[in-house]
Protein backbone atom coordinates (compact mmCIF):
# COMPACT_ATOMS: atom_id res chain seq x y z
CA MET A 1 61.21 38.03 -43.04
CA GLU A 2 62.53 40.34 -40.34
CA ALA A 3 60.69 43.25 -41.98
CA ASP A 4 57.34 41.49 -41.64
CA PRO A 5 55.02 43.41 -39.27
CA GLU A 6 54.54 40.30 -37.11
CA PHE A 7 58.19 39.22 -36.90
CA SER A 8 58.55 40.59 -33.37
CA ARG A 9 55.46 38.67 -32.32
CA LEU A 10 56.99 35.50 -33.77
CA TRP A 11 60.12 36.13 -31.68
CA GLU A 12 58.08 36.80 -28.53
CA THR A 13 55.97 33.66 -28.93
CA CYS A 14 59.04 31.49 -29.50
CA ALA A 15 60.84 32.97 -26.51
CA LYS A 16 57.81 32.36 -24.27
CA TYR A 17 57.30 28.87 -25.69
CA SER A 18 60.20 27.56 -23.60
CA SER A 19 57.98 27.18 -20.53
CA ASP A 20 55.67 24.80 -22.38
CA TRP A 21 58.23 22.74 -24.25
CA THR A 22 59.32 19.39 -22.85
CA ASP A 23 62.67 18.48 -24.30
CA TYR A 24 65.10 15.91 -22.97
CA THR A 25 67.79 15.62 -25.61
CA GLY A 26 67.69 18.79 -27.72
CA TYR A 27 68.29 21.97 -25.75
CA PRO A 28 69.91 20.10 -22.83
CA ILE A 29 72.85 19.11 -25.05
CA ILE A 30 73.87 22.78 -24.86
CA SER A 31 76.34 23.21 -22.00
CA ASP A 32 74.79 25.25 -19.18
CA TYR A 33 71.61 25.82 -21.21
CA ASP A 34 69.40 28.73 -20.12
CA ALA A 35 66.03 28.98 -21.88
CA ILE A 36 65.83 32.75 -21.45
CA ALA A 37 69.45 33.69 -22.15
CA ASP A 38 69.86 31.29 -25.08
CA ALA A 39 66.57 32.12 -26.82
CA PRO A 40 67.75 35.18 -28.81
CA ALA A 41 70.73 33.46 -30.44
CA LEU A 42 68.83 30.23 -31.05
CA PHE A 43 65.93 32.12 -32.60
CA ALA A 44 68.29 34.04 -34.92
CA ALA A 45 70.04 30.84 -36.02
CA THR A 46 66.70 29.12 -36.55
CA THR A 47 65.09 31.88 -38.63
CA ARG A 48 68.22 31.94 -40.78
CA ALA A 49 68.13 28.16 -41.19
CA MET A 50 64.42 28.34 -42.06
CA ALA A 51 65.23 31.01 -44.67
CA LEU A 52 67.79 28.66 -46.23
CA LYS A 53 65.27 25.82 -46.27
CA SER A 54 62.68 28.11 -47.90
CA ALA A 55 65.21 29.15 -50.54
CA VAL A 56 66.05 25.53 -51.36
CA TYR A 57 62.34 24.74 -51.53
CA GLU A 58 61.79 27.55 -54.01
CA LEU A 59 64.91 26.76 -56.07
CA THR A 60 63.93 23.09 -56.39
CA ASP A 61 60.32 23.75 -57.43
CA GLY A 62 58.90 22.59 -54.10
CA ASP A 63 61.09 19.55 -53.37
CA GLU A 64 60.44 19.02 -49.64
CA LYS A 65 63.14 16.37 -49.33
CA ALA A 66 65.82 18.65 -50.76
CA ALA A 67 64.61 21.57 -48.62
CA GLU A 68 64.65 19.60 -45.36
CA LEU A 69 68.25 20.53 -44.69
CA PRO A 70 69.83 18.81 -41.71
CA LEU A 71 70.11 21.14 -38.73
CA PRO A 72 71.96 20.84 -35.44
CA VAL A 73 69.60 19.53 -32.79
CA PRO A 74 69.21 22.75 -30.73
CA VAL A 75 68.34 24.73 -33.89
CA ASP A 76 65.94 21.99 -34.99
CA VAL A 77 64.21 22.06 -31.60
CA MET A 78 63.77 25.84 -31.87
CA SER A 79 62.30 25.29 -35.34
CA HIS A 80 59.59 23.21 -33.65
CA ALA A 81 58.77 26.17 -31.41
CA LEU A 82 58.74 28.44 -34.44
CA THR A 83 56.52 26.20 -36.57
CA ALA A 84 54.14 25.73 -33.64
CA GLN A 85 53.12 29.36 -34.26
CA PHE A 86 51.05 28.02 -37.15
CA THR A 87 48.52 30.80 -37.70
CA LEU A 88 51.12 33.52 -37.42
CA LEU A 89 53.46 31.72 -39.83
CA CYS A 90 50.64 31.22 -42.32
CA ARG A 91 49.99 34.96 -42.40
CA MET A 92 53.70 35.68 -42.76
CA GLN A 93 54.06 33.14 -45.60
CA ASP A 94 51.15 34.75 -47.43
CA ARG A 95 52.63 38.24 -47.10
CA LEU A 96 56.18 37.17 -47.95
CA LYS A 97 55.14 34.82 -50.76
CA ILE A 98 57.41 32.06 -49.39
CA ARG A 99 56.90 28.68 -47.75
CA PHE A 100 58.54 27.66 -44.52
CA VAL A 101 59.69 24.06 -44.68
CA HIS A 102 59.83 21.66 -41.75
CA MET A 103 58.90 18.04 -42.27
CA THR A 104 60.05 15.73 -39.49
CA ASP A 105 59.29 12.65 -41.59
CA MET A 106 61.99 13.79 -43.99
CA GLU A 107 64.69 14.46 -41.43
CA GLU A 108 67.62 12.10 -41.73
CA GLY A 109 68.46 9.75 -38.86
CA ALA A 110 66.50 8.72 -35.80
CA GLY A 111 65.81 11.75 -33.67
CA GLY A 112 67.75 14.16 -35.86
CA GLY A 113 71.29 15.21 -35.16
CA THR A 114 72.67 14.49 -38.62
CA TRP A 115 73.96 18.02 -39.22
CA ASP A 116 77.73 18.22 -39.22
CA HIS A 117 80.54 20.67 -39.73
CA GLY A 118 81.33 21.29 -43.39
CA ASP A 119 78.11 19.82 -44.79
CA TYR A 120 75.87 21.56 -47.34
CA THR A 121 73.76 23.32 -44.67
CA HIS A 122 76.91 24.58 -42.94
CA GLN A 123 78.41 25.86 -46.19
CA CYS A 124 75.19 27.65 -47.23
CA TYR A 125 74.67 29.15 -43.77
CA GLU A 126 78.18 30.56 -43.60
CA LYS A 127 77.98 32.01 -47.12
CA ALA A 128 74.65 33.67 -46.34
CA PHE A 129 75.07 34.70 -42.70
CA GLY A 130 78.68 34.20 -41.58
CA SER A 131 80.05 31.79 -39.01
CA VAL A 132 77.81 29.45 -37.08
CA ASP A 133 77.76 29.75 -33.29
CA PRO A 134 79.50 26.61 -31.98
CA ARG A 135 77.41 26.78 -28.81
CA TYR A 136 74.33 25.72 -30.82
CA TRP A 137 75.82 24.23 -33.98
CA ILE A 138 76.97 20.98 -32.41
CA GLY A 139 78.11 18.26 -34.81
CA SER A 140 76.54 14.81 -35.01
CA ALA A 141 79.23 12.86 -33.12
CA GLU A 142 79.32 15.37 -30.26
CA THR A 143 75.51 15.48 -30.21
CA GLU A 144 75.38 11.71 -29.75
CA ARG A 145 78.09 11.78 -27.07
CA ARG A 146 76.16 14.40 -25.10
CA ARG A 147 72.89 12.50 -25.55
CA LYS A 148 74.50 9.37 -24.08
CA VAL A 149 75.54 11.40 -21.03
CA LEU A 150 71.95 12.63 -20.71
CA ASP A 151 70.60 9.08 -21.17
CA LYS A 152 72.51 7.99 -18.05
CA VAL A 153 71.42 10.97 -15.98
CA TYR A 154 67.76 10.68 -16.97
CA ALA A 155 67.62 6.90 -16.48
CA GLY A 156 68.33 7.49 -12.80
CA ILE A 157 65.03 9.33 -12.42
CA GLY A 158 62.96 7.05 -14.65
CA VAL A 159 63.21 8.84 -17.99
CA THR A 160 64.31 6.41 -20.70
CA GLU A 161 64.35 6.03 -24.48
CA ARG A 162 65.38 9.65 -24.85
CA GLY A 163 62.29 10.96 -23.15
CA LYS A 164 59.80 8.70 -24.92
CA LYS A 165 59.18 6.72 -21.73
CA VAL A 166 58.79 8.23 -18.30
CA SER A 167 58.21 6.14 -15.20
CA ILE A 168 58.37 8.44 -12.20
CA PRO A 169 56.25 7.56 -9.17
CA LEU A 170 53.97 10.58 -8.87
CA GLY A 171 51.52 9.12 -6.37
CA ASP A 172 47.85 9.84 -6.72
CA ALA A 173 45.65 12.83 -5.95
CA THR A 174 44.64 11.47 -2.53
CA THR A 175 48.24 11.14 -1.32
CA ALA A 176 49.70 14.25 -2.91
CA ALA A 177 50.62 16.99 -0.49
């Protein structure tokens, strides 16, 4: 995948995507998150995770459910940025003769976050690529704890239901300064 002639473009588009991505409970669970500084490591972890999912897809004769490996939330969020590069990924899939797998309807649990230390994804990742980065590979219990902290912070400004409802008085065009 990294040898593909458009891999660097994929990286660049994902790194730039941060300015357009609204995310309340994915990246912000990373302590002191910085969209620019964290992008390289998150992108590397995500492309590796996507490679694992593609391998499972191929080894199971196209079983999407089996290939939708649980990922830690920050890696899953970056996979959304990656898969949003649809046309580019289609060309890469054709050249590489692989399929990238990401089906949100097959992710376990409400809102993701079911990845955990020692699970199948973790074991495969470490055998293929070495240790996971604990900054981004946050287990399910800690993910939920951090999300509850964010829930309280966001509720104070009118963002509830984990970002699905936003009630912030914005005024109207005639009163805006």
